[in-house]
C-alpha atoms as a PDB file:
ATOM      1  CA  MET A   1     -28.071  12.329 108.297  1.00  0.00           C
ATOM      2  CA  ARG A   2     -31.215  12.692 106.868  1.00  0.00           C
ATOM      3  CA  ILE A   3     -33.035   9.700 105.376  1.00  0.00           C
ATOM      4  CA  ARG A   4     -33.829  10.733 101.350  1.00  0.00           C
ATOM      5  CA  ARG A   5     -36.916  10.085  99.559  1.00  0.00           C
ATOM      6  CA  LYS A   6     -35.226   7.718  97.355  1.00  0.00           C
ATOM      7  CA  THR A   7     -34.193   5.055  99.963  1.00  0.00           C
ATOM      8  CA  GLN A   8     -38.031   5.385 101.488  1.00  0.00           C
ATOM      9  CA  LYS A   9     -39.608   4.671  98.406  1.00  0.00           C
ATOM     10  CA  THR A  10     -38.082   1.097  97.991  1.00  0.00           C
ATOM     11  CA  HIS A  11     -39.594  -1.863  96.138  1.00  0.00           C
ATOM     12  CA  LEU A  12     -40.251  -3.640  99.499  1.00  0.00           C
ATOM     13  CA  THR A  13     -43.329  -1.592  99.708  1.00  0.00           C
ATOM     14  CA  ARG A  14     -45.079  -2.306  96.318  1.00  0.00           C
ATOM     15  CA  PRO A  15     -48.287  -4.388  96.553  1.00  0.00           C
ATOM     16  CA  ARG A  16     -47.780  -7.910  95.273  1.00  0.00           C
ATOM     17  CA  LYS A  17     -50.216  -9.908  93.333  1.00  0.00           C
ATOM     18  CA  SER A  18     -51.971 -12.958  95.020  1.00  0.00           C
ATOM     19  CA  GLY A  19     -52.424 -16.100  93.470  1.00  0.00           C
ATOM     20  CA  ALA A  20     -55.638 -15.919  93.839  1.00  0.00           C
ATOM     21  CA  ALA A  21     -56.162 -12.551  92.193  1.00  0.00           C
ATOM     22  CA  LYS A  22     -54.154 -14.015  89.248  1.00  0.00           C
ATOM     23  CA  THR A  23     -56.600 -16.794  88.646  1.00  0.00           C
ATOM     24  CA  ARG A  24     -59.612 -14.828  89.184  1.00  0.00           C
ATOM     25  CA  ARG A  25     -58.122 -12.431  86.263  1.00  0.00           C
ATOM     26  CA  ARG A  26     -57.633 -15.175  84.032  1.00  0.00           C
ATOM     27  CA  LEU A  27     -60.964 -16.694  84.528  1.00  0.00           C
ATOM     28  CA  GLU A  28     -62.584 -13.517  83.806  1.00  0.00           C
ATOM     29  CA  GLN A  29     -60.577 -13.190  80.451  1.00  0.00           C
ATOM     30  CA  LYS A  30     -61.760 -16.437  79.557  1.00  0.00           C
ATOM     31  CA  ARG A  31     -65.107 -15.898  80.316  1.00  0.00           C
ATOM     32  CA  ARG A  32     -64.993 -12.657  78.262  1.00  0.00           C
ATOM     33  CA  LEU A  33     -63.612 -14.489  75.306  1.00  0.00           C
ATOM     34  CA  VAL A  34     -66.771 -16.849  75.372  1.00  0.00           C
ATOM     35  CA  ALA A  35     -68.945 -13.863  75.702  1.00  0.00           C
ATOM     36  CA  LEU A  36     -67.321 -12.628  72.466  1.00  0.00           C
ATOM     37  CA  GLY A  37     -68.322 -15.742  70.571  1.00  0.00           C
ATOM     38  CA  MET A  38     -65.378 -18.094  70.934  1.00  0.00           C
ATOM     39  CA  GLU A  39     -65.993 -21.921  71.401  1.00  0.00           C
ATOM     40  CA  GLU A  40     -65.629 -22.984  75.085  1.00  0.00           C
ATOM     41  CA  ALA A  41     -63.303 -25.642  74.163  1.00  0.00           C
ATOM     42  CA  VAL A  42     -61.079 -23.624  72.191  1.00  0.00           C
ATOM     43  CA  VAL A  43     -60.761 -20.973  75.025  1.00  0.00           C
ATOM     44  CA  ALA A  44     -59.977 -23.828  77.518  1.00  0.00           C
ATOM     45  CA  LYS A  45     -57.040 -25.217  75.466  1.00  0.00           C
ATOM     46  CA  MET A  46     -55.517 -21.444  75.364  1.00  0.00           C
ATOM     47  CA  ASN A  47     -52.493 -20.389  77.315  1.00  0.00           C
ATOM     48  CA  SER A  48     -52.810 -17.009  79.556  1.00  0.00           C
ATOM     49  CA  ARG A  49     -50.550 -15.184  76.473  1.00  0.00           C
ATOM     50  CA  GLN A  50     -53.054 -16.512  73.764  1.00  0.00           C
ATOM     51  CA  VAL A  51     -56.224 -15.330  75.777  1.00  0.00           C
ATOM     52  CA  LEU A  52     -54.394 -11.740  76.378  1.00  0.00           C
ATOM     53  CA  ASP A  53     -53.276 -11.432  72.589  1.00  0.00           C
ATOM     54  CA  ALA A  54     -56.939 -12.494  71.622  1.00  0.00           C
ATOM     55  CA  LEU A  55     -58.706 -10.039  73.828  1.00  0.00           C
ATOM     56  CA  LYS A  56     -56.429  -7.218  72.251  1.00  0.00           C
ATOM     57  CA  TYR A  57     -58.677  -7.273  69.123  1.00  0.00           C
ATOM     58  CA  PRO A  58     -62.045  -8.193  69.985  1.00  0.00           C
ATOM     59  CA  ALA A  59     -63.343  -7.292  66.632  1.00  0.00           C
ATOM     60  CA  LYS A  60     -61.303 -10.177  65.120  1.00  0.00           C
ATOM     61  CA  ILE A  61     -62.978 -12.633  67.391  1.00  0.00           C
ATOM     62  CA  GLY A  62     -66.289 -12.394  65.924  1.00  0.00           C
ATOM     63  CA  LYS A  63     -65.340 -12.683  62.445  1.00  0.00           C
ATOM     64  CA  GLY A  64     -63.203 -15.805  63.102  1.00  0.00           C
END
């Protein structure tokens, strides 16, 4: 029997996110918000979902 392509491409070979890379990304995103004009104290209290939602619309950050 031959090994089919579907069984060769399993989810076990996909790259995993490391904790350090995730932390680095979150810090970069928070720094981006501060650079866009948000106060650092406000950004520090935001969770990761709020940060991502704010970065979706950067034009609204300067107005607010």
